[in-house]
Structure formats: C-alpha cells, structure tokens
C-alpha cells in the first residue's frame, strides 16, 4: 500500500513572567497574572 503521514510539532512552553519584589504592588500584580496560563516567578529577598 501507500500511506500518507502527518507530522505535527508540539512545543509546550508556557510564557515566563518574573516579578522581582512581592510587596503590595508586586502581590497585586501577581494576583492578576496568576489568572493566566503562565509560569509566574515570584522573587524577593524578604522571606
């Protein structure tokens, strides 16, 4: 026989957004960005 093949590339990469400083402004922004299918990095020197 003869077979036709379809190749579909899948690159499953979530956008990465990093917030440096999670004070009151950073946290407010993080609450909005967390609604989206992204990878959200929260970075702060204050535990």
ModelCIF file with pLDDT and N, C-alpha, C, O atoms, coordinates in Angstrom:
data_MODEL
#
_entry.id   MODEL 
#
_entity.id                         1 
_entity.type                       polymer 
_entity.pdbx_number_of_molecules   1 
#
_entity_poly.entity_id                      1 
_entity_poly.type                           'polypeptide(L)' 
_entity_poly.nstd_linkage                   no 
_entity_poly.nstd_monomer                   no 
_entity_poly.pdbx_seq_one_letter_code       
;(UNK)(UNK)(UNK)(UNK)(UNK)(UNK)(UNK)(UNK)(UNK)(UNK)(UNK)(UNK)(UNK)(UNK)(UNK)(UNK)
(UNK)(UNK)(UNK)(UNK)(UNK)(UNK)(UNK)(UNK)(UNK)(UNK)(UNK)(UNK)(UNK)(UNK)(UNK)(UNK)
(UNK)(UNK)(UNK)(UNK)(UNK)(UNK)(UNK)(UNK)(UNK)(UNK)(UNK)(UNK)(UNK)(UNK)(UNK)
;
_entity_poly.pdbx_seq_one_letter_code_can   XXXXXXXXXXXXXXXXXXXXXXXXXXXXXXXXXXXXXXXXXXXXXXX 
_entity_poly.pdbx_strand_id                 A 
#
loop_
_entity_poly_seq.entity_id 
_entity_poly_seq.num 
_entity_poly_seq.mon_id 
_entity_poly_seq.hetero 
1 1  UNK n 
1 2  UNK n 
1 3  UNK n 
1 4  UNK n 
1 5  UNK n 
1 6  UNK n 
1 7  UNK n 
1 8  UNK n 
1 9  UNK n 
1 10 UNK n 
1 11 UNK n 
1 12 UNK n 
1 13 UNK n 
1 14 UNK n 
1 15 UNK n 
1 16 UNK n 
1 17 UNK n 
1 18 UNK n 
1 19 UNK n 
1 20 UNK n 
1 21 UNK n 
1 22 UNK n 
1 23 UNK n 
1 24 UNK n 
1 25 UNK n 
1 26 UNK n 
1 27 UNK n 
1 28 UNK n 
1 29 UNK n 
1 30 UNK n 
1 31 UNK n 
1 32 UNK n 
1 33 UNK n 
1 34 UNK n 
1 35 UNK n 
1 36 UNK n 
1 37 UNK n 
1 38 UNK n 
1 39 UNK n 
1 40 UNK n 
1 41 UNK n 
1 42 UNK n 
1 43 UNK n 
1 44 UNK n 
1 45 UNK n 
1 46 UNK n 
1 47 UNK n 
#
_struct_asym.id          A 
_struct_asym.entity_id   1 
#
loop_
_ma_qa_metric.id 
_ma_qa_metric.mode 
_ma_qa_metric.name 
_ma_qa_metric.software_group_id 
_ma_qa_metric.type 
1 global pLDDT . pLDDT 
2 local  pLDDT . pLDDT 
#
_ma_qa_metric_global.metric_id      1 
_ma_qa_metric_global.metric_value   93.40 
_ma_qa_metric_global.model_id       1 
_ma_qa_metric_global.ordinal_id     1 
#
loop_
_ma_qa_metric_local.label_asym_id 
_ma_qa_metric_local.label_comp_id 
_ma_qa_metric_local.label_seq_id 
_ma_qa_metric_local.metric_id 
_ma_qa_metric_local.metric_value 
_ma_qa_metric_local.model_id 
_ma_qa_metric_local.ordinal_id 
A UNK 1  2 77.00 1 1  
A UNK 2  2 87.00 1 2  
A UNK 3  2 90.00 1 3  
A UNK 4  2 94.00 1 4  
A UNK 5  2 95.00 1 5  
A UNK 6  2 95.00 1 6  
A UNK 7  2 96.00 1 7  
A UNK 8  2 95.00 1 8  
A UNK 9  2 93.00 1 9  
A UNK 10 2 91.00 1 10 
A UNK 11 2 84.00 1 11 
A UNK 12 2 79.00 1 12 
A UNK 13 2 77.00 1 13 
A UNK 14 2 82.00 1 14 
A UNK 15 2 89.00 1 15 
A UNK 16 2 94.00 1 16 
A UNK 17 2 97.00 1 17 
A UNK 18 2 97.00 1 18 
A UNK 19 2 98.00 1 19 
A UNK 20 2 98.00 1 20 
A UNK 21 2 97.00 1 21 
A UNK 22 2 97.00 1 22 
A UNK 23 2 96.00 1 23 
A UNK 24 2 95.00 1 24 
A UNK 25 2 96.00 1 25 
A UNK 26 2 97.00 1 26 
A UNK 27 2 97.00 1 27 
A UNK 28 2 97.00 1 28 
A UNK 29 2 97.00 1 29 
A UNK 30 2 97.00 1 30 
A UNK 31 2 96.00 1 31 
A UNK 32 2 96.00 1 32 
A UNK 33 2 96.00 1 33 
A UNK 34 2 96.00 1 34 
A UNK 35 2 95.00 1 35 
A UNK 36 2 93.00 1 36 
A UNK 37 2 88.00 1 37 
A UNK 38 2 92.00 1 38 
A UNK 39 2 93.00 1 39 
A UNK 40 2 96.00 1 40 
A UNK 41 2 97.00 1 41 
A UNK 42 2 97.00 1 42 
A UNK 43 2 97.00 1 43 
A UNK 44 2 97.00 1 44 
A UNK 45 2 95.00 1 45 
A UNK 46 2 96.00 1 46 
A UNK 47 2 96.00 1 47 
#
loop_
_atom_site.group_PDB 
_atom_site.id 
_atom_site.type_symbol 
_atom_site.label_atom_id 
_atom_site.label_alt_id 
_atom_site.label_comp_id 
_atom_site.label_asym_id 
_atom_site.label_entity_id 
_atom_site.label_seq_id 
_atom_site.pdbx_PDB_ins_code 
_atom_site.Cartn_x 
_atom_site.Cartn_y 
_atom_site.Cartn_z 
_atom_site.occupancy 
_atom_site.B_iso_or_equiv 
_atom_site.pdbx_formal_charge 
_atom_site.auth_seq_id 
_atom_site.auth_comp_id 
_atom_site.auth_asym_id 
_atom_site.auth_atom_id 
_atom_site.pdbx_PDB_model_num 
ATOM 1   N N  . UNK A 1 1  ? 0.809  -1.217 0.000  1.00 77.00 ? 1  UNK A N  1 
ATOM 2   C CA . UNK A 1 1  ? 0.000  0.000  0.000  1.00 77.00 ? 1  UNK A CA 1 
ATOM 3   C C  . UNK A 1 1  ? 0.839  1.262  0.000  1.00 77.00 ? 1  UNK A C  1 
ATOM 4   O O  . UNK A 1 1  ? 2.056  1.243  -0.181 1.00 77.00 ? 1  UNK A O  1 
ATOM 5   N N  . UNK A 1 2  ? 0.128  2.361  0.212  1.00 87.00 ? 2  UNK A N  1 
ATOM 6   C CA . UNK A 1 2  ? 0.756  3.679  0.264  1.00 87.00 ? 2  UNK A CA 1 
ATOM 7   C C  . UNK A 1 2  ? 0.121  4.446  1.420  1.00 87.00 ? 2  UNK A C  1 
ATOM 8   O O  . UNK A 1 2  ? -1.103 4.492  1.548  1.00 87.00 ? 2  UNK A O  1 
ATOM 9   N N  . UNK A 1 3  ? 0.946  5.037  2.245  1.00 90.00 ? 3  UNK A N  1 
ATOM 10  C CA . UNK A 1 3  ? 0.459  5.688  3.464  1.00 90.00 ? 3  UNK A CA 1 
ATOM 11  C C  . UNK A 1 3  ? 0.883  7.155  3.454  1.00 90.00 ? 3  UNK A C  1 
ATOM 12  O O  . UNK A 1 3  ? 2.043  7.473  3.197  1.00 90.00 ? 3  UNK A O  1 
ATOM 13  N N  . UNK A 1 4  ? -0.064 8.036  3.734  1.00 94.00 ? 4  UNK A N  1 
ATOM 14  C CA . UNK A 1 4  ? 0.268  9.449  3.907  1.00 94.00 ? 4  UNK A CA 1 
ATOM 15  C C  . UNK A 1 4  ? 0.346  9.743  5.396  1.00 94.00 ? 4  UNK A C  1 
ATOM 16  O O  . UNK A 1 4  ? -0.566 9.421  6.158  1.00 94.00 ? 4  UNK A O  1 
ATOM 17  N N  . UNK A 1 5  ? 1.449  10.357 5.793  1.00 95.00 ? 5  UNK A N  1 
ATOM 18  C CA . UNK A 1 5  ? 1.724  10.615 7.209  1.00 95.00 ? 5  UNK A CA 1 
ATOM 19  C C  . UNK A 1 5  ? 1.695  12.117 7.470  1.00 95.00 ? 5  UNK A C  1 
ATOM 20  O O  . UNK A 1 5  ? 2.179  12.914 6.666  1.00 95.00 ? 5  UNK A O  1 
ATOM 21  N N  . UNK A 1 6  ? 1.122  12.481 8.603  1.00 95.00 ? 6  UNK A N  1 
ATOM 22  C CA . UNK A 1 6  ? 1.075  13.869 9.051  1.00 95.00 ? 6  UNK A CA 1 
ATOM 23  C C  . UNK A 1 6  ? 1.923  14.009 10.312 1.00 95.00 ? 6  UNK A C  1 
ATOM 24  O O  . UNK A 1 6  ? 1.744  13.259 11.272 1.00 95.00 ? 6  UNK A O  1 
ATOM 25  N N  . UNK A 1 7  ? 2.851  14.975 10.309 1.00 96.00 ? 7  UNK A N  1 
ATOM 26  C CA . UNK A 1 7  ? 3.685  15.261 11.477 1.00 96.00 ? 7  UNK A CA 1 
ATOM 27  C C  . UNK A 1 7  ? 3.317  16.632 12.023 1.00 96.00 ? 7  UNK A C  1 
ATOM 28  O O  . UNK A 1 7  ? 3.363  17.625 11.297 1.00 96.00 ? 7  UNK A O  1 
ATOM 29  N N  . UNK A 1 8  ? 2.953  16.691 13.303 1.00 95.00 ? 8  UNK A N  1 
ATOM 30  C CA . UNK A 1 8  ? 2.571  17.954 13.945 1.00 95.00 ? 8  UNK A CA 1 
ATOM 31  C C  . UNK A 1 8  ? 3.497  18.197 15.140 1.00 95.00 ? 8  UNK A C  1 
ATOM 32  O O  . UNK A 1 8  ? 3.511  17.427 16.100 1.00 95.00 ? 8  UNK A O  1 
ATOM 33  N N  . UNK A 1 9  ? 4.259  19.272 15.060 1.00 93.00 ? 9  UNK A N  1 
ATOM 34  C CA . UNK A 1 9  ? 5.185  19.598 16.148 1.00 93.00 ? 9  UNK A CA 1 
ATOM 35  C C  . UNK A 1 9  ? 4.457  20.315 17.275 1.00 93.00 ? 9  UNK A C  1 
ATOM 36  O O  . UNK A 1 9  ? 3.676  21.238 17.043 1.00 93.00 ? 9  UNK A O  1 
ATOM 37  N N  . UNK A 1 10 ? 4.724  19.877 18.489 1.00 91.00 ? 10 UNK A N  1 
ATOM 38  C CA . UNK A 1 10 ? 4.129  20.500 19.677 1.00 91.00 ? 10 UNK A CA 1 
ATOM 39  C C  . UNK A 1 10 ? 5.255  21.011 20.563 1.00 91.00 ? 10 UNK A C  1 
ATOM 40  O O  . UNK A 1 10 ? 6.086  20.235 21.034 1.00 91.00 ? 10 UNK A O  1 
ATOM 41  N N  . UNK A 1 11 ? 5.278  22.318 20.786 1.00 84.00 ? 11 UNK A N  1 
ATOM 42  C CA . UNK A 1 11 ? 6.282  22.935 21.669 1.00 84.00 ? 11 UNK A CA 1 
ATOM 43  C C  . UNK A 1 11 ? 5.541  23.522 22.872 1.00 84.00 ? 11 UNK A C  1 
ATOM 44  O O  . UNK A 1 11 ? 5.134  24.683 22.837 1.00 84.00 ? 11 UNK A O  1 
ATOM 45  N N  . UNK A 1 12 ? 5.361  22.733 23.933 1.00 79.00 ? 12 UNK A N  1 
ATOM 46  C CA . UNK A 1 12 ? 4.515  23.166 25.058 1.00 79.00 ? 12 UNK A CA 1 
ATOM 47  C C  . UNK A 1 12 ? 5.254  24.076 26.032 1.00 79.00 ? 12 UNK A C  1 
ATOM 48  O O  . UNK A 1 12 ? 5.687  23.639 27.099 1.00 79.00 ? 12 UNK A O  1 
ATOM 49  N N  . UNK A 1 13 ? 5.391  25.320 25.661 1.00 77.00 ? 13 UNK A N  1 
ATOM 50  C CA . UNK A 1 13 ? 6.128  26.255 26.519 1.00 77.00 ? 13 UNK A CA 1 
ATOM 51  C C  . UNK A 1 13 ? 5.182  27.323 27.064 1.00 77.00 ? 13 UNK A C  1 
ATOM 52  O O  . UNK A 1 13 ? 4.553  28.054 26.298 1.00 77.00 ? 13 UNK A O  1 
ATOM 53  N N  . UNK A 1 14 ? 5.089  27.407 28.362 1.00 82.00 ? 14 UNK A N  1 
ATOM 54  C CA . UNK A 1 14 ? 4.320  28.491 28.980 1.00 82.00 ? 14 UNK A CA 1 
ATOM 55  C C  . UNK A 1 14 ? 5.174  29.753 29.026 1.00 82.00 ? 14 UNK A C  1 
ATOM 56  O O  . UNK A 1 14 ? 6.362  29.677 29.339 1.00 82.00 ? 14 UNK A O  1 
ATOM 57  N N  . UNK A 1 15 ? 4.598  30.901 28.724 1.00 89.00 ? 15 UNK A N  1 
ATOM 58  C CA . UNK A 1 15 ? 5.356  32.145 28.908 1.00 89.00 ? 15 UNK A CA 1 
ATOM 59  C C  . UNK A 1 15 ? 5.791  32.282 30.370 1.00 89.00 ? 15 UNK A C  1 
ATOM 60  O O  . UNK A 1 15 ? 5.048  31.924 31.284 1.00 89.00 ? 15 UNK A O  1 
ATOM 61  N N  . UNK A 1 16 ? 6.986  32.797 30.573 1.00 94.00 ? 16 UNK A N  1 
ATOM 62  C CA . UNK A 1 16 ? 7.513  33.006 31.930 1.00 94.00 ? 16 UNK A CA 1 
ATOM 63  C C  . UNK A 1 16 ? 7.523  34.497 32.233 1.00 94.00 ? 16 UNK A C  1 
ATOM 64  O O  . UNK A 1 16 ? 8.068  35.292 31.468 1.00 94.00 ? 16 UNK A O  1 
ATOM 65  N N  . UNK A 1 17 ? 6.919  34.868 33.350 1.00 97.00 ? 17 UNK A N  1 
ATOM 66  C CA . UNK A 1 17 ? 6.949  36.254 33.825 1.00 97.00 ? 17 UNK A CA 1 
ATOM 67  C C  . UNK A 1 17 ? 7.464  36.239 35.258 1.00 97.00 ? 17 UNK A C  1 
ATOM 68  O O  . UNK A 1 17 ? 6.938  35.527 36.113 1.00 97.00 ? 17 UNK A O  1 
ATOM 69  N N  . UNK A 1 18 ? 8.494  37.029 35.504 1.00 97.00 ? 18 UNK A N  1 
ATOM 70  C CA . UNK A 1 18 ? 9.086  37.096 36.841 1.00 97.00 ? 18 UNK A CA 1 
ATOM 71  C C  . UNK A 1 18 ? 8.800  38.459 37.464 1.00 97.00 ? 18 UNK A C  1 
ATOM 72  O O  . UNK A 1 18 ? 8.997  39.501 36.838 1.00 97.00 ? 18 UNK A O  1 
ATOM 73  N N  . UNK A 1 19 ? 8.337  38.428 38.695 1.00 98.00 ? 19 UNK A N  1 
ATOM 74  C CA . UNK A 1 19 ? 8.151  39.654 39.468 1.00 98.00 ? 19 UNK A CA 1 
ATOM 75  C C  . UNK A 1 19 ? 9.244  39.699 40.527 1.00 98.00 ? 19 UNK A C  1 
ATOM 76  O O  . UNK A 1 19 ? 9.304  38.840 41.407 1.00 98.00 ? 19 UNK A O  1 
ATOM 77  N N  . UNK A 1 20 ? 10.102 40.702 40.436 1.00 98.00 ? 20 UNK A N  1 
ATOM 78  C CA . UNK A 1 20 ? 11.163 40.884 41.425 1.00 98.00 ? 20 UNK A CA 1 
ATOM 79  C C  . UNK A 1 20 ? 10.680 41.915 42.440 1.00 98.00 ? 20 UNK A C  1 
ATOM 80  O O  . UNK A 1 20 ? 10.622 43.112 42.157 1.00 98.00 ? 20 UNK A O  1 
ATOM 81  N N  . UNK A 1 21 ? 10.337 41.424 43.627 1.00 97.00 ? 21 UNK A N  1 
ATOM 82  C CA . UNK A 1 21 ? 9.773  42.282 44.667 1.00 97.00 ? 21 UNK A CA 1 
ATOM 83  C C  . UNK A 1 21 ? 8.285  42.029 44.791 1.00 97.00 ? 21 UNK A C  1 
ATOM 84  O O  . UNK A 1 21 ? 7.500  42.453 43.943 1.00 97.00 ? 21 UNK A O  1 
ATOM 85  N N  . UNK A 1 22 ? 7.897  41.326 45.868 1.00 97.00 ? 22 UNK A N  1 
ATOM 86  C CA . UNK A 1 22 ? 6.494  40.942 46.032 1.00 97.00 ? 22 UNK A CA 1 
ATOM 87  C C  . UNK A 1 22 ? 5.896  41.706 47.206 1.00 97.00 ? 22 UNK A C  1 
ATOM 88  O O  . UNK A 1 22 ? 5.287  41.125 48.104 1.00 97.00 ? 22 UNK A O  1 
ATOM 89  N N  . UNK A 1 23 ? 6.086  43.034 47.177 1.00 96.00 ? 23 UNK A N  1 
ATOM 90  C CA . UNK A 1 23 ? 5.430  43.888 48.162 1.00 96.00 ? 23 UNK A CA 1 
ATOM 91  C C  . UNK A 1 23 ? 3.969  44.080 47.787 1.00 96.00 ? 23 UNK A C  1 
ATOM 92  O O  . UNK A 1 23 ? 3.399  43.239 47.092 1.00 96.00 ? 23 UNK A O  1 
ATOM 93  N N  . UNK A 1 24 ? 3.343  45.182 48.237 1.00 95.00 ? 24 UNK A N  1 
ATOM 94  C CA . UNK A 1 24 ? 1.908  45.336 47.988 1.00 95.00 ? 24 UNK A CA 1 
ATOM 95  C C  . UNK A 1 24 ? 1.609  45.505 46.500 1.00 95.00 ? 24 UNK A C  1 
ATOM 96  O O  . UNK A 1 24 ? 0.579  45.025 46.024 1.00 95.00 ? 24 UNK A O  1 
ATOM 97  N N  . UNK A 1 25 ? 2.493  46.180 45.754 1.00 96.00 ? 25 UNK A N  1 
ATOM 98  C CA . UNK A 1 25 ? 2.265  46.333 44.310 1.00 96.00 ? 25 UNK A CA 1 
ATOM 99  C C  . UNK A 1 25 ? 2.549  45.014 43.586 1.00 96.00 ? 25 UNK A C  1 
ATOM 100 O O  . UNK A 1 25 ? 1.770  44.583 42.735 1.00 96.00 ? 25 UNK A O  1 
ATOM 101 N N  . UNK A 1 26 ? 3.672  44.380 43.934 1.00 97.00 ? 26 UNK A N  1 
ATOM 102 C CA . UNK A 1 26 ? 4.019  43.107 43.307 1.00 97.00 ? 26 UNK A CA 1 
ATOM 103 C C  . UNK A 1 26 ? 2.981  42.035 43.540 1.00 97.00 ? 26 UNK A C  1 
ATOM 104 O O  . UNK A 1 26 ? 2.654  41.275 42.628 1.00 97.00 ? 26 UNK A O  1 
ATOM 105 N N  . UNK A 1 27 ? 2.456  41.966 44.755 1.00 97.00 ? 27 UNK A N  1 
ATOM 106 C CA . UNK A 1 27 ? 1.445  40.960 45.072 1.00 97.00 ? 27 UNK A CA 1 
ATOM 107 C C  . UNK A 1 27 ? 0.140  41.233 44.322 1.00 97.00 ? 27 UNK A C  1 
ATOM 108 O O  . UNK A 1 27 ? -0.496 40.303 43.826 1.00 97.00 ? 27 UNK A O  1 
ATOM 109 N N  . UNK A 1 28 ? -0.258 42.495 44.238 1.00 97.00 ? 28 UNK A N  1 
ATOM 110 C CA . UNK A 1 28 ? -1.477 42.837 43.500 1.00 97.00 ? 28 UNK A CA 1 
ATOM 111 C C  . UNK A 1 28 ? -1.355 42.428 42.029 1.00 97.00 ? 28 UNK A C  1 
ATOM 112 O O  . UNK A 1 28 ? -2.300 41.905 41.437 1.00 97.00 ? 28 UNK A O  1 
ATOM 113 N N  . UNK A 1 29 ? -0.184 42.674 41.455 1.00 97.00 ? 29 UNK A N  1 
ATOM 114 C CA . UNK A 1 29 ? 0.046  42.293 40.068 1.00 97.00 ? 29 UNK A CA 1 
ATOM 115 C C  . UNK A 1 29 ? 0.077  40.770 39.918 1.00 97.00 ? 29 UNK A C  1 
ATOM 116 O O  . UNK A 1 29 ? -0.434 40.229 38.938 1.00 97.00 ? 29 UNK A O  1 
ATOM 117 N N  . UNK A 1 30 ? 0.674  40.087 40.887 1.00 97.00 ? 30 UNK A N  1 
ATOM 118 C CA . UNK A 1 30 ? 0.744  38.621 40.849 1.00 97.00 ? 30 UNK A CA 1 
ATOM 119 C C  . UNK A 1 30 ? -0.654 38.003 40.863 1.00 97.00 ? 30 UNK A C  1 
ATOM 120 O O  . UNK A 1 30 ? -0.890 36.991 40.203 1.00 97.00 ? 30 UNK A O  1 
ATOM 121 N N  . UNK A 1 31 ? -1.579 38.604 41.612 1.00 96.00 ? 31 UNK A N  1 
ATOM 122 C CA . UNK A 1 31 ? -2.949 38.078 41.675 1.00 96.00 ? 31 UNK A CA 1 
ATOM 123 C C  . UNK A 1 31 ? -3.634 38.155 40.315 1.00 96.00 ? 31 UNK A C  1 
ATOM 124 O O  . UNK A 1 31 ? -4.455 37.300 39.981 1.00 96.00 ? 31 UNK A O  1 
ATOM 125 N N  . UNK A 1 32 ? -3.299 39.176 39.532 1.00 96.00 ? 32 UNK A N  1 
ATOM 126 C CA . UNK A 1 32 ? -3.873 39.287 38.184 1.00 96.00 ? 32 UNK A CA 1 
ATOM 127 C C  . UNK A 1 32 ? -3.195 38.301 37.236 1.00 96.00 ? 32 UNK A C  1 
ATOM 128 O O  . UNK A 1 32 ? -3.871 37.583 36.499 1.00 96.00 ? 32 UNK A O  1 
ATOM 129 N N  . UNK A 1 33 ? -1.867 38.264 37.253 1.00 96.00 ? 33 UNK A N  1 
ATOM 130 C CA . UNK A 1 33 ? -1.136 37.394 36.334 1.00 96.00 ? 33 UNK A CA 1 
ATOM 131 C C  . UNK A 1 33 ? -1.395 35.915 36.609 1.00 96.00 ? 33 UNK A C  1 
ATOM 132 O O  . UNK A 1 33 ? -1.324 35.090 35.697 1.00 96.00 ? 33 UNK A O  1 
ATOM 133 N N  . UNK A 1 34 ? -1.694 35.578 37.864 1.00 96.00 ? 34 UNK A N  1 
ATOM 134 C CA . UNK A 1 34 ? -1.941 34.177 38.208 1.00 96.00 ? 34 UNK A CA 1 
ATOM 135 C C  . UNK A 1 34 ? -3.192 33.622 37.536 1.00 96.00 ? 34 UNK A C  1 
ATOM 136 O O  . UNK A 1 34 ? -3.380 32.406 37.496 1.00 96.00 ? 34 UNK A O  1 
ATOM 137 N N  . UNK A 1 35 ? -4.046 34.492 37.011 1.00 95.00 ? 35 UNK A N  1 
ATOM 138 C CA . UNK A 1 35 ? -5.249 34.037 36.313 1.00 95.00 ? 35 UNK A CA 1 
ATOM 139 C C  . UNK A 1 35 ? -4.931 33.400 34.967 1.00 95.00 ? 35 UNK A C  1 
ATOM 140 O O  . UNK A 1 35 ? -5.759 32.683 34.406 1.00 95.00 ? 35 UNK A O  1 
ATOM 141 N N  . UNK A 1 36 ? -3.726 33.660 34.444 1.00 93.00 ? 36 UNK A N  1 
ATOM 142 C CA . UNK A 1 36 ? -3.371 33.212 33.105 1.00 93.00 ? 36 UNK A CA 1 
ATOM 143 C C  . UNK A 1 36 ? -2.480 31.974 33.152 1.00 93.00 ? 36 UNK A C  1 
ATOM 144 O O  . UNK A 1 36 ? -1.820 31.709 34.157 1.00 93.00 ? 36 UNK A O  1 
ATOM 145 N N  . UNK A 1 37 ? -2.470 31.222 32.055 1.00 88.00 ? 37 UNK A N  1 
ATOM 146 C CA . UNK A 1 37 ? -1.674 30.003 31.982 1.00 88.00 ? 37 UNK A CA 1 
ATOM 147 C C  . UNK A 1 37 ? -0.220 30.366 31.644 1.00 88.00 ? 37 UNK A C  1 
ATOM 148 O O  . UNK A 1 37 ? 0.232  30.208 30.510 1.00 88.00 ? 37 UNK A O  1 
ATOM 149 N N  . UNK A 1 38 ? 0.473  30.843 32.637 1.00 92.00 ? 38 UNK A N  1 
ATOM 150 C CA . UNK A 1 38 ? 1.878  31.231 32.509 1.00 92.00 ? 38 UNK A CA 1 
ATOM 151 C C  . UNK A 1 38 ? 2.660  30.549 33.620 1.00 92.00 ? 38 UNK A C  1 
ATOM 152 O O  . UNK A 1 38 ? 2.091  29.916 34.509 1.00 92.00 ? 38 UNK A O  1 
ATOM 153 N N  . UNK A 1 39 ? 3.980  30.695 33.548 1.00 93.00 ? 39 UNK A N  1 
ATOM 154 C CA . UNK A 1 39 ? 4.830  30.314 34.670 1.00 93.00 ? 39 UNK A CA 1 
ATOM 155 C C  . UNK A 1 39 ? 5.230  31.610 35.364 1.00 93.00 ? 39 UNK A C  1 
ATOM 156 O O  . UNK A 1 39 ? 5.916  32.450 34.781 1.00 93.00 ? 39 UNK A O  1 
ATOM 157 N N  . UNK A 1 40 ? 4.804  31.761 36.589 1.00 96.00 ? 40 UNK A N  1 
ATOM 158 C CA . UNK A 1 40 ? 4.978  33.010 37.322 1.00 96.00 ? 40 UNK A CA 1 
ATOM 159 C C  . UNK A 1 40 ? 6.050  32.834 38.389 1.00 96.00 ? 40 UNK A C  1 
ATOM 160 O O  . UNK A 1 40 ? 5.882  32.065 39.335 1.00 96.00 ? 40 UNK A O  1 
ATOM 161 N N  . UNK A 1 41 ? 7.152  33.557 38.224 1.00 97.00 ? 41 UNK A N  1 
ATOM 162 C CA . UNK A 1 41 ? 8.241  33.519 39.207 1.00 97.00 ? 41 UNK A CA 1 
ATOM 163 C C  . UNK A 1 41 ? 8.079  34.699 40.163 1.00 97.00 ? 41 UNK A C  1 
ATOM 164 O O  . UNK A 1 41 ? 7.987  35.848 39.729 1.00 97.00 ? 41 UNK A O  1 
ATOM 165 N N  . UNK A 1 42 ? 8.046  34.417 41.444 1.00 97.00 ? 42 UNK A N  1 
ATOM 166 C CA . UNK A 1 42 ? 7.959  35.448 42.475 1.00 97.00 ? 42 UNK A CA 1 
ATOM 167 C C  . UNK A 1 42 ? 9.277  35.453 43.244 1.00 97.00 ? 42 UNK A C  1 
ATOM 168 O O  . UNK A 1 42 ? 9.651  34.464 43.874 1.00 97.00 ? 42 UNK A O  1 
ATOM 169 N N  . UNK A 1 43 ? 9.972  36.593 43.177 1.00 97.00 ? 43 UNK A N  1 
ATOM 170 C CA . UNK A 1 43 ? 11.337 36.661 43.701 1.00 97.00 ? 43 UNK A CA 1 
ATOM 171 C C  . UNK A 1 43 ? 11.440 37.807 44.700 1.00 97.00 ? 43 UNK A C  1 
ATOM 172 O O  . UNK A 1 43 ? 11.062 38.939 44.400 1.00 97.00 ? 43 UNK A O  1 
ATOM 173 N N  . UNK A 1 44 ? 11.954 37.502 45.890 1.00 97.00 ? 44 UNK A N  1 
ATOM 174 C CA . UNK A 1 44 ? 12.109 38.549 46.904 1.00 97.00 ? 44 UNK A CA 1 
ATOM 175 C C  . UNK A 1 44 ? 13.209 38.146 47.869 1.00 97.00 ? 44 UNK A C  1 
ATOM 176 O O  . UNK A 1 44 ? 13.406 36.963 48.148 1.00 97.00 ? 44 UNK A O  1 
ATOM 177 N N  . UNK A 1 45 ? 13.922 39.138 48.375 1.00 95.00 ? 45 UNK A N  1 
ATOM 178 C CA . UNK A 1 45 ? 14.971 38.875 49.362 1.00 95.00 ? 45 UNK A CA 1 
ATOM 179 C C  . UNK A 1 45 ? 14.407 38.807 50.780 1.00 95.00 ? 45 UNK A C  1 
ATOM 180 O O  . UNK A 1 45 ? 15.127 38.452 51.713 1.00 95.00 ? 45 UNK A O  1 
ATOM 181 N N  . UNK A 1 46 ? 13.136 39.142 50.950 1.00 96.00 ? 46 UNK A N  1 
ATOM 182 C CA . UNK A 1 46 ? 12.499 39.154 52.276 1.00 96.00 ? 46 UNK A CA 1 
ATOM 183 C C  . UNK A 1 46 ? 11.585 37.949 52.420 1.00 96.00 ? 46 UNK A C  1 
ATOM 184 O O  . UNK A 1 46 ? 10.570 37.872 51.728 1.00 96.00 ? 46 UNK A O  1 
ATOM 185 N N  . UNK A 1 47 ? 11.907 37.015 53.288 1.00 96.00 ? 47 UNK A N  1 
ATOM 186 C CA . UNK A 1 47 ? 11.091 35.804 53.419 1.00 96.00 ? 47 UNK A CA 1 
ATOM 187 C C  . UNK A 1 47 ? 9.650  36.081 53.831 1.00 96.00 ? 47 UNK A C  1 
ATOM 188 O O  . UNK A 1 47 ? 8.860  35.148 53.976 1.00 96.00 ? 47 UNK A O  1 
#
